[in-house]
Amino acid sequence: MEQRRFHRVNYSAPGELVHHDIKYRCRLENVSLRGALISADECLMVPLNESCRLTVPLAAGGEPLTITVSVVHCFFSMVGVKFTGFAGNSEARLFELLQQLTKEPDTLMQEWETLHKDSAASNDEGATLHEPALAIF
C-alpha cells in the first residue's frame, strides 16, 4: 500500500547522519519535501522512531542542509526517514533544490503550498511544528 504523501525526486548526494554522537557517512538516494531514503557503506544502527540529525552539503563552501529526521524504515545499510525539523532556512533551500530536480513542478508546488497552508493553520491553533501524520519514504 502506498503511504507517501509527497512525491520523491532521485537525488544522490553525500551526507552525514548523526545518532547519539555516532556519525555515519551516508548518501541520499531520493528526497521529498518531508523525507528521504539514505544509504551507507556500513550498517546503520539506528532503531525505528529514533531522532537523528542529517546534514547534506549542497555546494562547496556553502551552508549545508541540516534537518532533524526520524527513522521510519530501516534495512541493513539503508534507512527511510521523515523530516521533523529544519535548521535555519534549510526547508526553503530544500524546496529550491527540489524545484531544480523535479519532473513534476506543479505537484511540488501544490505540496509546498499545502504544507504551508497546514502549517499556518497549526500555528493559528498554537502548534509550533507541523509534522505529517504518516509519511513513508
C-alpha atoms as a PDB file:
ATOM      1  CA  MET A   1       0.000   0.000   0.000  1.00  0.00           C
ATOM      2  CA  GLU A   2       1.380   3.406  -0.996  1.00  0.00           C
ATOM      3  CA  GLN A   3       1.568   5.680   2.058  1.00  0.00           C
ATOM      4  CA  ARG A   4       3.723   8.503   0.733  1.00  0.00           C
ATOM      5  CA  ARG A   5       2.196  11.967   0.844  1.00  0.00           C
ATOM      6  CA  PHE A   6       4.975  13.658  -1.148  1.00  0.00           C
ATOM      7  CA  HIS A   7       6.498  12.718  -4.471  1.00  0.00           C
ATOM      8  CA  ARG A   8      10.155  11.753  -4.423  1.00  0.00           C
ATOM      9  CA  VAL A   9      12.974  13.044  -6.580  1.00  0.00           C
ATOM     10  CA  ASN A  10      16.065  10.965  -7.324  1.00  0.00           C
ATOM     11  CA  TYR A  11      18.998  12.821  -5.850  1.00  0.00           C
ATOM     12  CA  SER A  12      22.293  11.223  -4.979  1.00  0.00           C
ATOM     13  CA  ALA A  13      24.426  13.317  -2.647  1.00  0.00           C
ATOM     14  CA  PRO A  14      26.835  12.639   0.200  1.00  0.00           C
ATOM     15  CA  GLY A  15      25.759  13.451   3.719  1.00  0.00           C
ATOM     16  CA  GLU A  16      26.216  12.719   7.385  1.00  0.00           C
ATOM     17  CA  LEU A  17      23.678  11.101   9.687  1.00  0.00           C
ATOM     18  CA  VAL A  18      24.311  11.588  13.413  1.00  0.00           C
ATOM     19  CA  HIS A  19      22.597   9.435  16.038  1.00  0.00           C
ATOM     20  CA  HIS A  20      23.651   9.752  19.701  1.00  0.00           C
ATOM     21  CA  ASP A  21      27.037  11.187  18.705  1.00  0.00           C
ATOM     22  CA  ILE A  22      27.668   8.325  16.264  1.00  0.00           C
ATOM     23  CA  LYS A  23      28.395   9.728  12.818  1.00  0.00           C
ATOM     24  CA  TYR A  24      27.611   7.781   9.667  1.00  0.00           C
ATOM     25  CA  ARG A  25      28.828   8.853   6.255  1.00  0.00           C
ATOM     26  CA  CYS A  26      25.840   8.354   4.021  1.00  0.00           C
ATOM     27  CA  ARG A  27      24.255   9.168   0.671  1.00  0.00           C
ATOM     28  CA  LEU A  28      20.833  10.490  -0.140  1.00  0.00           C
ATOM     29  CA  GLU A  29      19.225   8.266  -2.745  1.00  0.00           C
ATOM     30  CA  ASN A  30      15.994  10.196  -3.130  1.00  0.00           C
ATOM     31  CA  VAL A  31      14.302  13.051  -1.339  1.00  0.00           C
ATOM     32  CA  SER A  32      10.932  14.766  -0.976  1.00  0.00           C
ATOM     33  CA  LEU A  33       9.723  17.782   0.963  1.00  0.00           C
ATOM     34  CA  ARG A  34       9.228  15.616   4.045  1.00  0.00           C
ATOM     35  CA  GLY A  35      11.565  12.655   3.833  1.00  0.00           C
ATOM     36  CA  ALA A  36      14.410  10.783   2.196  1.00  0.00           C
ATOM     37  CA  LEU A  37      15.944   7.405   1.546  1.00  0.00           C
ATOM     38  CA  ILE A  38      19.511   7.228   2.846  1.00  0.00           C
ATOM     39  CA  SER A  39      22.137   4.571   2.180  1.00  0.00           C
ATOM     40  CA  ALA A  40      25.586   3.879   3.607  1.00  0.00           C
ATOM     41  CA  ASP A  41      28.515   1.548   3.024  1.00  0.00           C
ATOM     42  CA  GLU A  42      28.201   0.330   6.617  1.00  0.00           C
ATOM     43  CA  CYS A  43      25.328  -0.909   8.730  1.00  0.00           C
ATOM     44  CA  LEU A  44      23.200   1.961  10.018  1.00  0.00           C
ATOM     45  CA  MET A  45      22.468   1.045  13.628  1.00  0.00           C
ATOM     46  CA  VAL A  46      19.521   3.373  14.182  1.00  0.00           C
ATOM     47  CA  PRO A  47      16.284   1.971  15.663  1.00  0.00           C
ATOM     48  CA  LEU A  48      12.852   2.864  14.331  1.00  0.00           C
ATOM     49  CA  ASN A  49      11.397   6.181  15.507  1.00  0.00           C
ATOM     50  CA  GLU A  50      14.786   7.410  16.724  1.00  0.00           C
ATOM     51  CA  SER A  51      15.681  11.025  16.062  1.00  0.00           C
ATOM     52  CA  CYS A  52      18.863  11.892  14.146  1.00  0.00           C
ATOM     53  CA  ARG A  53      20.479  14.881  12.516  1.00  0.00           C
ATOM     54  CA  LEU A  54      21.022  14.744   8.764  1.00  0.00           C
ATOM     55  CA  THR A  55      23.497  17.152   7.182  1.00  0.00           C
ATOM     56  CA  VAL A  56      23.803  17.416   3.411  1.00  0.00           C
ATOM     57  CA  PRO A  57      26.233  19.831   1.757  1.00  0.00           C
ATOM     58  CA  LEU A  58      24.691  21.426  -1.321  1.00  0.00           C
ATOM     59  CA  ALA A  59      27.626  23.384  -2.741  1.00  0.00           C
ATOM     60  CA  ALA A  60      31.319  23.565  -1.996  1.00  0.00           C
ATOM     61  CA  GLY A  61      31.817  26.102   0.777  1.00  0.00           C
ATOM     62  CA  GLY A  62      28.080  26.717   1.115  1.00  0.00           C
ATOM     63  CA  GLU A  63      25.903  26.142   4.120  1.00  0.00           C
ATOM     64  CA  PRO A  64      24.657  22.519   4.271  1.00  0.00           C
ATOM     65  CA  LEU A  65      21.069  21.483   4.751  1.00  0.00           C
ATOM     66  CA  THR A  66      20.614  20.498   8.393  1.00  0.00           C
ATOM     67  CA  ILE A  67      17.471  18.516   9.097  1.00  0.00           C
ATOM     68  CA  THR A  68      16.195  16.650  12.146  1.00  0.00           C
ATOM     69  CA  VAL A  69      14.821  13.304  10.995  1.00  0.00           C
ATOM     70  CA  SER A  70      13.005  10.336  12.466  1.00  0.00           C
ATOM     71  CA  VAL A  71      13.683   6.822  11.167  1.00  0.00           C
ATOM     72  CA  VAL A  72      10.543   5.222   9.721  1.00  0.00           C
ATOM     73  CA  HIS A  73      12.159   2.249   7.938  1.00  0.00           C
ATOM     74  CA  CYS A  74      15.493   0.588   8.476  1.00  0.00           C
ATOM     75  CA  PHE A  75      17.324  -2.008   6.458  1.00  0.00           C
ATOM     76  CA  PHE A  76      20.912  -3.177   6.843  1.00  0.00           C
ATOM     77  CA  SER A  77      22.559  -0.222   5.126  1.00  0.00           C
ATOM     78  CA  MET A  78      19.519   1.902   4.243  1.00  0.00           C
ATOM     79  CA  VAL A  79      17.062   3.970   6.234  1.00  0.00           C
ATOM     80  CA  GLY A  80      13.912   5.779   5.292  1.00  0.00           C
ATOM     81  CA  VAL A  81      13.455   8.979   7.266  1.00  0.00           C
ATOM     82  CA  LYS A  82      10.796  11.608   7.702  1.00  0.00           C
ATOM     83  CA  PHE A  83      11.805  15.190   8.306  1.00  0.00           C
ATOM     84  CA  THR A  84      10.706  16.560  11.669  1.00  0.00           C
ATOM     85  CA  GLY A  85      12.584  19.859  11.856  1.00  0.00           C
ATOM     86  CA  PHE A  86      14.752  22.191   9.799  1.00  0.00           C
ATOM     87  CA  ALA A  87      17.664  24.345  10.953  1.00  0.00           C
ATOM     88  CA  GLY A  88      17.724  27.916   9.678  1.00  0.00           C
ATOM     89  CA  ASN A  89      16.436  28.201   6.132  1.00  0.00           C
ATOM     90  CA  SER A  90      17.057  24.528   5.260  1.00  0.00           C
ATOM     91  CA  GLU A  91      13.410  23.902   4.394  1.00  0.00           C
ATOM     92  CA  ALA A  92      13.305  26.728   1.832  1.00  0.00           C
ATOM     93  CA  ARG A  93      16.658  25.646   0.384  1.00  0.00           C
ATOM     94  CA  LEU A  94      15.405  22.059   0.103  1.00  0.00           C
ATOM     95  CA  PHE A  95      12.372  23.343  -1.804  1.00  0.00           C
ATOM     96  CA  GLU A  96      14.646  25.296  -4.168  1.00  0.00           C
ATOM     97  CA  LEU A  97      16.754  22.176  -4.756  1.00  0.00           C
ATOM     98  CA  LEU A  98      13.686  20.074  -5.490  1.00  0.00           C
ATOM     99  CA  GLN A  99      12.402  22.729  -7.901  1.00  0.00           C
ATOM    100  CA  GLN A 100      15.598  22.285  -9.922  1.00  0.00           C
ATOM    101  CA  LEU A 101      15.385  18.485  -9.913  1.00  0.00           C
ATOM    102  CA  THR A 102      11.718  17.579 -10.184  1.00  0.00           C
ATOM    103  CA  LYS A 103       9.993  16.470 -13.346  1.00  0.00           C
ATOM    104  CA  GLU A 104       6.700  17.372 -11.657  1.00  0.00           C
ATOM    105  CA  PRO A 105       6.970  21.096 -10.781  1.00  0.00           C
ATOM    106  CA  ASP A 106       3.211  21.572 -10.443  1.00  0.00           C
ATOM    107  CA  THR A 107       2.953  18.674  -7.987  1.00  0.00           C
ATOM    108  CA  LEU A 108       5.873  20.038  -5.976  1.00  0.00           C
ATOM    109  CA  MET A 109       4.292  23.496  -5.804  1.00  0.00           C
ATOM    110  CA  GLN A 110       0.972  22.028  -4.650  1.00  0.00           C
ATOM    111  CA  GLU A 111       2.753  20.040  -1.937  1.00  0.00           C
ATOM    112  CA  TRP A 112       4.671  23.141  -0.801  1.00  0.00           C
ATOM    113  CA  GLU A 113       1.513  25.263  -0.668  1.00  0.00           C
ATOM    114  CA  THR A 114      -0.383  22.550   1.213  1.00  0.00           C
ATOM    115  CA  LEU A 115       2.430  22.236   3.761  1.00  0.00           C
ATOM    116  CA  HIS A 116       2.486  25.949   4.419  1.00  0.00           C
ATOM    117  CA  LYS A 117      -1.281  26.292   4.495  1.00  0.00           C
ATOM    118  CA  ASP A 118      -1.434  23.425   7.011  1.00  0.00           C
ATOM    119  CA  SER A 119       1.478  24.953   8.943  1.00  0.00           C
ATOM    120  CA  ALA A 120      -0.223  28.344   9.110  1.00  0.00           C
ATOM    121  CA  ALA A 121      -3.431  26.700  10.356  1.00  0.00           C
ATOM    122  CA  SER A 122      -1.464  24.777  13.003  1.00  0.00           C
ATOM    123  CA  ASN A 123       0.294  27.960  14.113  1.00  0.00           C
ATOM    124  CA  ASP A 124      -3.080  29.636  14.467  1.00  0.00           C
ATOM    125  CA  GLU A 125      -4.013  26.816  16.851  1.00  0.00           C
ATOM    126  CA  GLY A 126      -0.813  27.280  18.865  1.00  0.00           C
ATOM    127  CA  ALA A 127       1.281  24.450  17.430  1.00  0.00           C
ATOM    128  CA  THR A 128       4.924  25.177  16.741  1.00  0.00           C
ATOM    129  CA  LEU A 129       5.987  22.478  14.279  1.00  0.00           C
ATOM    130  CA  HIS A 130       3.946  20.820  11.588  1.00  0.00           C
ATOM    131  CA  GLU A 131       4.698  17.142  11.163  1.00  0.00           C
ATOM    132  CA  PRO A 132       2.884  14.826   8.755  1.00  0.00           C
ATOM    133  CA  ALA A 133       0.739  12.208  10.467  1.00  0.00           C
ATOM    134  CA  LEU A 134       2.340   9.402   8.474  1.00  0.00           C
ATOM    135  CA  ALA A 135       4.797   9.585   5.641  1.00  0.00           C
ATOM    136  CA  ILE A 136       6.900   6.703   4.460  1.00  0.00           C
ATOM    137  CA  PHE A 137       9.811   7.355   2.134  1.00  0.00           C
END
